[in-house]
Amino acid sequence: MLPDRSTVRQSATVIRVSDSEIEVEVCRPEACGSCKARSVCSEGGSGRRMTLLNDGQGYTIGEQITLVMRRSAGLKAVVIAYLVPVFLIIAALLLFQALHIKEILSAGLTLGLLGLYFIVVRLAGGRIKRELTIEIEKEIEQ
């Protein structure tokens, strides 16, 4: 059977369970094993912790689960977090240069626009979160 290319799957370990949330640790030891910078890396080879909504499937601490995210959701997150801000900076600086605004003022206005963008993203966070969901699949023990 061919792997589903429309989703990204990652194994994780449940490390905390509450009624409304579960905390998981996602570790990619194959990515950290041969890295010379792992001792000073923010990941440290130990994995990244994420808090997800508990969907009531009866998780236990130490249980292995699979996190599933649609590739389109990941692409949307990259666009919101990285591409739009870069294009916003370039467009603003080009506009201010065309209007013959002094460089220091252009830089300040550009940073202000960038700050305003991130405030709008923060305020729209609930809507964005609903679109960028990570689903949890319990791994079947064999």
N, C-alpha and C. Protein backbone atom coordinates (compact mmCIF):
# COMPACT_ATOMS: atom_id res chain seq x y z
N MET A 1 0.84 -1.18 0.00
CA MET A 1 0.00 0.00 0.00
C MET A 1 0.89 1.24 0.00
N LEU A 2 0.59 2.20 -0.84
CA LEU A 2 1.36 3.42 -0.95
C LEU A 2 1.04 4.37 0.20
N PRO A 3 2.06 5.10 0.70
CA PRO A 3 1.79 6.06 1.78
C PRO A 3 0.94 7.22 1.27
N ASP A 4 0.13 7.77 2.16
CA ASP A 4 -0.73 8.90 1.81
C ASP A 4 0.14 10.17 1.76
N ARG A 5 0.29 10.76 0.59
CA ARG A 5 1.14 11.93 0.42
C ARG A 5 0.45 13.23 0.81
N SER A 6 -0.84 13.18 1.12
CA SER A 6 -1.55 14.40 1.49
C SER A 6 -1.45 14.70 2.98
N THR A 7 -0.83 13.78 3.75
CA THR A 7 -0.69 13.99 5.18
C THR A 7 0.75 13.76 5.62
N VAL A 8 1.07 14.34 6.77
CA VAL A 8 2.36 14.13 7.41
C VAL A 8 2.07 13.38 8.71
N ARG A 9 2.79 12.30 8.94
CA ARG A 9 2.59 11.48 10.14
C ARG A 9 3.86 11.49 10.96
N GLN A 10 3.68 11.58 12.29
CA GLN A 10 4.82 11.58 13.20
C GLN A 10 4.45 10.85 14.47
N SER A 11 5.30 9.95 14.91
CA SER A 11 5.07 9.24 16.17
C SER A 11 5.37 10.17 17.34
N ALA A 12 4.63 9.97 18.43
CA ALA A 12 4.82 10.78 19.63
C ALA A 12 4.49 9.92 20.84
N THR A 13 4.94 10.37 22.00
CA THR A 13 4.69 9.68 23.26
C THR A 13 3.88 10.59 24.16
N VAL A 14 2.81 10.07 24.75
CA VAL A 14 1.99 10.84 25.68
C VAL A 14 2.76 11.00 26.98
N ILE A 15 2.90 12.25 27.45
CA ILE A 15 3.65 12.47 28.70
C ILE A 15 2.79 13.08 29.80
N ARG A 16 1.60 13.62 29.44
CA ARG A 16 0.69 14.16 30.44
C ARG A 16 -0.72 14.09 29.90
N VAL A 17 -1.67 13.72 30.76
CA VAL A 17 -3.07 13.61 30.34
C VAL A 17 -3.94 14.36 31.35
N SER A 18 -4.84 15.21 30.85
CA SER A 18 -5.87 15.82 31.70
C SER A 18 -7.20 15.62 31.00
N ASP A 19 -8.28 16.10 31.61
CA ASP A 19 -9.60 15.93 31.00
C ASP A 19 -9.72 16.64 29.66
N SER A 20 -9.05 17.80 29.52
CA SER A 20 -9.24 18.58 28.31
C SER A 20 -8.04 18.56 27.36
N GLU A 21 -6.84 18.17 27.87
CA GLU A 21 -5.65 18.24 27.03
C GLU A 21 -4.76 17.02 27.26
N ILE A 22 -3.93 16.77 26.25
CA ILE A 22 -2.84 15.81 26.44
C ILE A 22 -1.57 16.50 25.98
N GLU A 23 -0.48 16.19 26.65
CA GLU A 23 0.82 16.72 26.24
C GLU A 23 1.62 15.55 25.69
N VAL A 24 2.21 15.78 24.52
CA VAL A 24 2.97 14.72 23.86
C VAL A 24 4.38 15.22 23.58
N GLU A 25 5.29 14.26 23.44
CA GLU A 25 6.66 14.58 23.08
C GLU A 25 6.95 13.93 21.74
N VAL A 26 7.33 14.76 20.78
CA VAL A 26 7.64 14.29 19.44
C VAL A 26 9.16 14.24 19.35
N CYS A 27 9.68 13.08 19.06
CA CYS A 27 11.13 12.93 18.99
C CYS A 27 11.51 12.30 17.67
N ARG A 28 12.54 12.85 17.08
CA ARG A 28 13.08 12.27 15.85
C ARG A 28 14.54 11.92 16.09
N PRO A 29 14.78 10.83 16.81
CA PRO A 29 16.17 10.48 17.12
C PRO A 29 17.03 10.26 15.89
N GLU A 30 16.41 9.83 14.79
CA GLU A 30 17.20 9.62 13.57
C GLU A 30 17.76 10.93 13.04
N ALA A 31 17.09 12.05 13.35
CA ALA A 31 17.56 13.35 12.90
C ALA A 31 18.63 13.90 13.83
N CYS A 32 18.61 13.50 15.10
CA CYS A 32 19.53 14.05 16.09
C CYS A 32 20.75 13.16 16.33
N GLY A 33 20.64 11.87 16.02
CA GLY A 33 21.67 10.90 16.38
C GLY A 33 23.07 11.26 15.93
N SER A 34 23.23 11.71 14.69
CA SER A 34 24.56 11.97 14.17
C SER A 34 24.90 13.46 14.15
N CYS A 35 24.04 14.30 14.71
CA CYS A 35 24.25 15.74 14.67
C CYS A 35 25.29 16.15 15.71
N LYS A 36 26.30 16.90 15.29
CA LYS A 36 27.35 17.33 16.20
C LYS A 36 26.89 18.46 17.11
N ALA A 37 25.81 19.16 16.74
CA ALA A 37 25.33 20.30 17.53
C ALA A 37 24.21 19.92 18.49
N ARG A 38 23.91 18.63 18.64
CA ARG A 38 22.76 18.22 19.45
C ARG A 38 22.87 18.63 20.91
N SER A 39 24.10 18.77 21.43
CA SER A 39 24.27 19.12 22.84
C SER A 39 23.92 20.59 23.10
N VAL A 40 24.00 21.45 22.10
CA VAL A 40 23.67 22.86 22.29
C VAL A 40 22.38 23.26 21.58
N CYS A 41 21.75 22.30 20.93
CA CYS A 41 20.52 22.57 20.18
C CYS A 41 19.36 22.76 21.13
N SER A 42 18.42 23.63 20.76
CA SER A 42 17.23 23.82 21.59
C SER A 42 16.39 22.55 21.65
N GLU A 43 16.49 21.71 20.62
CA GLU A 43 15.80 20.43 20.65
C GLU A 43 16.52 19.47 21.58
N GLY A 44 17.85 19.56 21.61
CA GLY A 44 18.65 18.74 22.49
C GLY A 44 18.54 17.25 22.24
N GLY A 45 17.94 16.85 21.15
CA GLY A 45 17.78 15.43 20.88
C GLY A 45 16.68 14.79 21.69
N SER A 46 16.02 15.58 22.54
CA SER A 46 15.01 14.98 23.42
C SER A 46 13.61 15.11 22.85
N GLY A 47 13.41 15.92 21.85
CA GLY A 47 12.10 16.04 21.25
C GLY A 47 11.41 17.34 21.59
N ARG A 48 10.30 17.57 20.93
CA ARG A 48 9.52 18.79 21.11
C ARG A 48 8.21 18.41 21.77
N ARG A 49 7.82 19.21 22.75
CA ARG A 49 6.56 18.95 23.45
C ARG A 49 5.44 19.78 22.83
N MET A 50 4.28 19.16 22.72
CA MET A 50 3.11 19.82 22.17
C MET A 50 1.92 19.52 23.06
N THR A 51 1.03 20.49 23.21
CA THR A 51 -0.21 20.28 23.95
C THR A 51 -1.35 20.25 22.95
N LEU A 52 -2.15 19.19 23.00
CA LEU A 52 -3.26 18.99 22.07
C LEU A 52 -4.54 18.77 22.85
N LEU A 53 -5.67 18.99 22.20
CA LEU A 53 -6.96 18.74 22.83
C LEU A 53 -7.17 17.24 23.03
N ASN A 54 -7.66 16.89 24.20
CA ASN A 54 -7.96 15.48 24.49
C ASN A 54 -9.29 15.13 23.83
N ASP A 55 -9.26 14.20 22.88
CA ASP A 55 -10.47 13.82 22.16
C ASP A 55 -11.20 12.65 22.82
N GLY A 56 -10.78 12.29 24.02
CA GLY A 56 -11.51 11.29 24.80
C GLY A 56 -11.27 9.85 24.40
N GLN A 57 -10.14 9.55 23.76
CA GLN A 57 -9.86 8.17 23.36
C GLN A 57 -9.17 7.37 24.46
N GLY A 58 -9.06 7.93 25.66
CA GLY A 58 -8.49 7.19 26.78
C GLY A 58 -6.99 7.01 26.70
N TYR A 59 -6.25 8.10 26.61
CA TYR A 59 -4.80 8.04 26.52
C TYR A 59 -4.19 7.77 27.88
N THR A 60 -3.03 7.10 27.87
CA THR A 60 -2.29 6.84 29.10
C THR A 60 -0.87 7.36 28.94
N ILE A 61 -0.26 7.74 30.04
CA ILE A 61 1.11 8.26 30.01
C ILE A 61 2.04 7.14 29.52
N GLY A 62 2.92 7.50 28.58
CA GLY A 62 3.84 6.55 27.99
C GLY A 62 3.33 5.89 26.73
N GLU A 63 2.06 6.08 26.41
CA GLU A 63 1.46 5.47 25.22
C GLU A 63 2.02 6.11 23.95
N GLN A 64 2.27 5.28 22.94
CA GLN A 64 2.72 5.75 21.65
C GLN A 64 1.51 6.08 20.78
N ILE A 65 1.50 7.27 20.18
CA ILE A 65 0.41 7.68 19.30
C ILE A 65 1.02 8.21 18.00
N THR A 66 0.18 8.43 17.03
CA THR A 66 0.61 9.02 15.77
C THR A 66 -0.12 10.34 15.56
N LEU A 67 0.64 11.40 15.30
CA LEU A 67 0.06 12.71 15.00
C LEU A 67 -0.05 12.82 13.48
N VAL A 68 -1.20 13.28 13.00
CA VAL A 68 -1.45 13.38 11.57
C VAL A 68 -1.87 14.80 11.24
N MET A 69 -1.18 15.40 10.27
CA MET A 69 -1.52 16.76 9.84
C MET A 69 -1.58 16.78 8.31
N ARG A 70 -2.59 17.45 7.78
CA ARG A 70 -2.69 17.58 6.33
C ARG A 70 -1.53 18.46 5.84
N ARG A 71 -0.92 18.07 4.73
CA ARG A 71 0.18 18.87 4.16
C ARG A 71 -0.29 20.28 3.83
N SER A 72 -1.52 20.42 3.37
CA SER A 72 -2.03 21.75 3.02
C SER A 72 -2.09 22.65 4.25
N ALA A 73 -2.39 22.07 5.42
CA ALA A 73 -2.41 22.86 6.65
C ALA A 73 -1.00 23.30 7.01
N GLY A 74 -0.02 22.42 6.83
CA GLY A 74 1.36 22.78 7.10
C GLY A 74 1.84 23.88 6.17
N LEU A 75 1.46 23.80 4.90
CA LEU A 75 1.83 24.82 3.93
C LEU A 75 1.20 26.16 4.31
N LYS A 76 -0.06 26.12 4.74
CA LYS A 76 -0.74 27.35 5.16
C LYS A 76 -0.02 27.99 6.35
N ALA A 77 0.44 27.18 7.29
CA ALA A 77 1.16 27.69 8.45
C ALA A 77 2.47 28.36 8.03
N VAL A 78 3.18 27.75 7.07
CA VAL A 78 4.43 28.33 6.58
C VAL A 78 4.16 29.68 5.90
N VAL A 79 3.10 29.73 5.11
CA VAL A 79 2.77 30.98 4.43
C VAL A 79 2.45 32.09 5.44
N ILE A 80 1.64 31.78 6.44
CA ILE A 80 1.25 32.77 7.45
C ILE A 80 2.45 33.23 8.27
N ALA A 81 3.30 32.30 8.67
CA ALA A 81 4.39 32.63 9.58
C ALA A 81 5.63 33.20 8.89
N TYR A 82 5.89 32.78 7.65
CA TYR A 82 7.15 33.18 7.02
C TYR A 82 6.99 33.98 5.73
N LEU A 83 6.19 33.49 4.79
CA LEU A 83 6.14 34.13 3.48
C LEU A 83 5.45 35.49 3.49
N VAL A 84 4.29 35.57 4.11
CA VAL A 84 3.57 36.85 4.13
C VAL A 84 4.41 37.94 4.80
N PRO A 85 5.03 37.70 5.97
CA PRO A 85 5.86 38.76 6.56
C PRO A 85 7.01 39.21 5.66
N VAL A 86 7.67 38.28 4.98
CA VAL A 86 8.78 38.66 4.10
C VAL A 86 8.27 39.54 2.95
N PHE A 87 7.18 39.12 2.31
CA PHE A 87 6.63 39.92 1.22
C PHE A 87 6.11 41.26 1.72
N LEU A 88 5.55 41.30 2.92
CA LEU A 88 5.09 42.55 3.51
C LEU A 88 6.26 43.51 3.72
N ILE A 89 7.37 43.02 4.23
CA ILE A 89 8.56 43.86 4.44
C ILE A 89 9.08 44.41 3.11
N ILE A 90 9.22 43.53 2.12
CA ILE A 90 9.75 43.96 0.82
C ILE A 90 8.82 44.97 0.17
N ALA A 91 7.52 44.69 0.15
CA ALA A 91 6.56 45.61 -0.47
C ALA A 91 6.54 46.96 0.24
N ALA A 92 6.55 46.95 1.56
CA ALA A 92 6.52 48.21 2.32
C ALA A 92 7.77 49.03 2.05
N LEU A 93 8.94 48.38 2.08
CA LEU A 93 10.17 49.13 1.83
C LEU A 93 10.23 49.70 0.41
N LEU A 94 9.77 48.91 -0.57
CA LEU A 94 9.73 49.42 -1.95
C LEU A 94 8.76 50.58 -2.09
N LEU A 95 7.60 50.48 -1.45
CA LEU A 95 6.61 51.56 -1.50
C LEU A 95 7.17 52.83 -0.86
N PHE A 96 7.77 52.69 0.32
CA PHE A 96 8.30 53.87 1.01
C PHE A 96 9.46 54.49 0.24
N GLN A 97 10.25 53.65 -0.44
CA GLN A 97 11.35 54.17 -1.26
C GLN A 97 10.78 54.94 -2.46
N ALA A 98 9.72 54.42 -3.08
CA ALA A 98 9.09 55.09 -4.23
C ALA A 98 8.47 56.41 -3.81
N LEU A 99 8.01 56.51 -2.55
CA LEU A 99 7.42 57.75 -2.04
C LEU A 99 8.48 58.70 -1.50
N HIS A 100 9.76 58.34 -1.63
CA HIS A 100 10.90 59.15 -1.19
C HIS A 100 10.84 59.48 0.30
N ILE A 101 10.46 58.50 1.08
CA ILE A 101 10.45 58.64 2.54
C ILE A 101 11.84 58.27 3.05
N LYS A 102 12.33 59.01 4.05
CA LYS A 102 13.67 58.75 4.58
C LYS A 102 13.80 57.31 5.05
N GLU A 103 15.01 56.79 4.94
CA GLU A 103 15.24 55.37 5.23
C GLU A 103 14.89 55.00 6.67
N ILE A 104 15.26 55.81 7.62
CA ILE A 104 15.00 55.47 9.02
C ILE A 104 13.50 55.45 9.30
N LEU A 105 12.77 56.38 8.69
CA LEU A 105 11.32 56.41 8.84
C LEU A 105 10.69 55.22 8.12
N SER A 106 11.23 54.87 6.94
CA SER A 106 10.74 53.70 6.21
C SER A 106 10.92 52.43 7.04
N ALA A 107 12.09 52.30 7.66
CA ALA A 107 12.34 51.13 8.49
C ALA A 107 11.37 51.07 9.66
N GLY A 108 11.14 52.20 10.33
CA GLY A 108 10.21 52.25 11.46
C GLY A 108 8.79 51.91 11.04
N LEU A 109 8.34 52.48 9.93
CA LEU A 109 6.99 52.22 9.43
C LEU A 109 6.84 50.74 9.03
N THR A 110 7.88 50.19 8.41
CA THR A 110 7.85 48.78 8.01
C THR A 110 7.74 47.88 9.23
N LEU A 111 8.54 48.17 10.26
CA LEU A 111 8.45 47.37 11.48
C LEU A 111 7.07 47.53 12.14
N GLY A 112 6.51 48.74 12.06
CA GLY A 112 5.16 48.95 12.60
C GLY A 112 4.13 48.12 11.84
N LEU A 113 4.24 48.09 10.51
CA LEU A 113 3.32 47.27 9.71
C LEU A 113 3.47 45.79 10.03
N LEU A 114 4.71 45.36 10.22
CA LEU A 114 4.96 43.97 10.55
C LEU A 114 4.37 43.63 11.92
N GLY A 115 4.53 44.54 12.87
CA GLY A 115 3.92 44.34 14.19
C GLY A 115 2.41 44.27 14.09
N LEU A 116 1.82 45.15 13.28
CA LEU A 116 0.37 45.14 13.08
C LEU A 116 -0.09 43.82 12.46
N TYR A 117 0.69 43.31 11.50
CA TYR A 117 0.36 42.02 10.89
C TYR A 117 0.31 40.92 11.94
N PHE A 118 1.32 40.86 12.80
CA PHE A 118 1.36 39.80 13.81
C PHE A 118 0.28 39.98 14.87
N ILE A 119 -0.13 41.20 15.13
CA ILE A 119 -1.27 41.43 16.04
C ILE A 119 -2.55 40.88 15.41
N VAL A 120 -2.74 41.13 14.12
CA VAL A 120 -3.92 40.60 13.41
C VAL A 120 -3.89 39.07 13.41
N VAL A 121 -2.71 38.49 13.16
CA VAL A 121 -2.59 37.02 13.19
C VAL A 121 -2.92 36.50 14.58
N ARG A 122 -2.44 37.18 15.61
CA ARG A 122 -2.72 36.75 16.99
C ARG A 122 -4.22 36.84 17.30
N LEU A 123 -4.87 37.92 16.85
CA LEU A 123 -6.31 38.08 17.09
C LEU A 123 -7.13 37.05 16.31
N ALA A 124 -6.63 36.64 15.16
CA ALA A 124 -7.33 35.64 14.35
C ALA A 124 -6.85 34.23 14.71
N GLY A 125 -6.13 34.10 15.81
CA GLY A 125 -5.54 32.83 16.20
C GLY A 125 -6.53 31.69 16.34
N GLY A 126 -7.71 31.95 16.89
CA GLY A 126 -8.72 30.91 17.04
C GLY A 126 -9.15 30.34 15.70
N ARG A 127 -9.38 31.21 14.76
CA ARG A 127 -9.80 30.78 13.42
C ARG A 127 -8.67 30.01 12.73
N ILE A 128 -7.46 30.51 12.88
CA ILE A 128 -6.31 29.85 12.26
C ILE A 128 -6.10 28.48 12.89
N LYS A 129 -6.23 28.39 14.21
CA LYS A 129 -6.05 27.11 14.91
C LYS A 129 -7.04 26.06 14.43
N ARG A 130 -8.29 26.48 14.18
CA ARG A 130 -9.29 25.53 13.71
C ARG A 130 -8.92 24.97 12.34
N GLU A 131 -8.26 25.78 11.52
CA GLU A 131 -7.88 25.34 10.18
C GLU A 131 -6.61 24.49 10.19
N LEU A 132 -5.75 24.71 11.17
CA LEU A 132 -4.47 24.02 11.23
C LEU A 132 -4.49 22.96 12.32
N THR A 133 -5.31 21.95 12.14
CA THR A 133 -5.49 20.95 13.18
C THR A 133 -4.52 19.78 13.01
N ILE A 134 -4.19 19.19 14.15
CA ILE A 134 -3.40 17.97 14.19
C ILE A 134 -4.29 16.89 14.77
N GLU A 135 -4.49 15.82 14.03
CA GLU A 135 -5.33 14.72 14.49
C GLU A 135 -4.46 13.69 15.19
N ILE A 136 -5.07 12.94 16.11
CA ILE A 136 -4.35 11.92 16.87
C ILE A 136 -4.90 10.55 16.50
N GLU A 137 -4.01 9.63 16.18
CA GLU A 137 -4.40 8.24 15.93
C GLU A 137 -3.70 7.38 16.97
N LYS A 138 -4.46 6.51 17.61
CA LYS A 138 -3.86 5.56 18.55
C LYS A 138 -3.17 4.49 17.73
N GLU A 139 -1.97 4.12 18.17
CA GLU A 139 -1.24 3.04 17.48
C GLU A 139 -1.77 1.71 17.97
N ILE A 140 -1.99 0.80 17.06
CA ILE A 140 -2.51 -0.52 17.40
C ILE A 140 -1.36 -1.43 17.77
N GLU A 141 -1.44 -1.99 18.97
CA GLU A 141 -0.38 -2.90 19.42
C GLU A 141 -0.56 -4.25 18.75
N GLN A 142 0.56 -4.85 18.35
CA GLN A 142 0.50 -6.15 17.68
C GLN A 142 1.14 -7.21 18.52
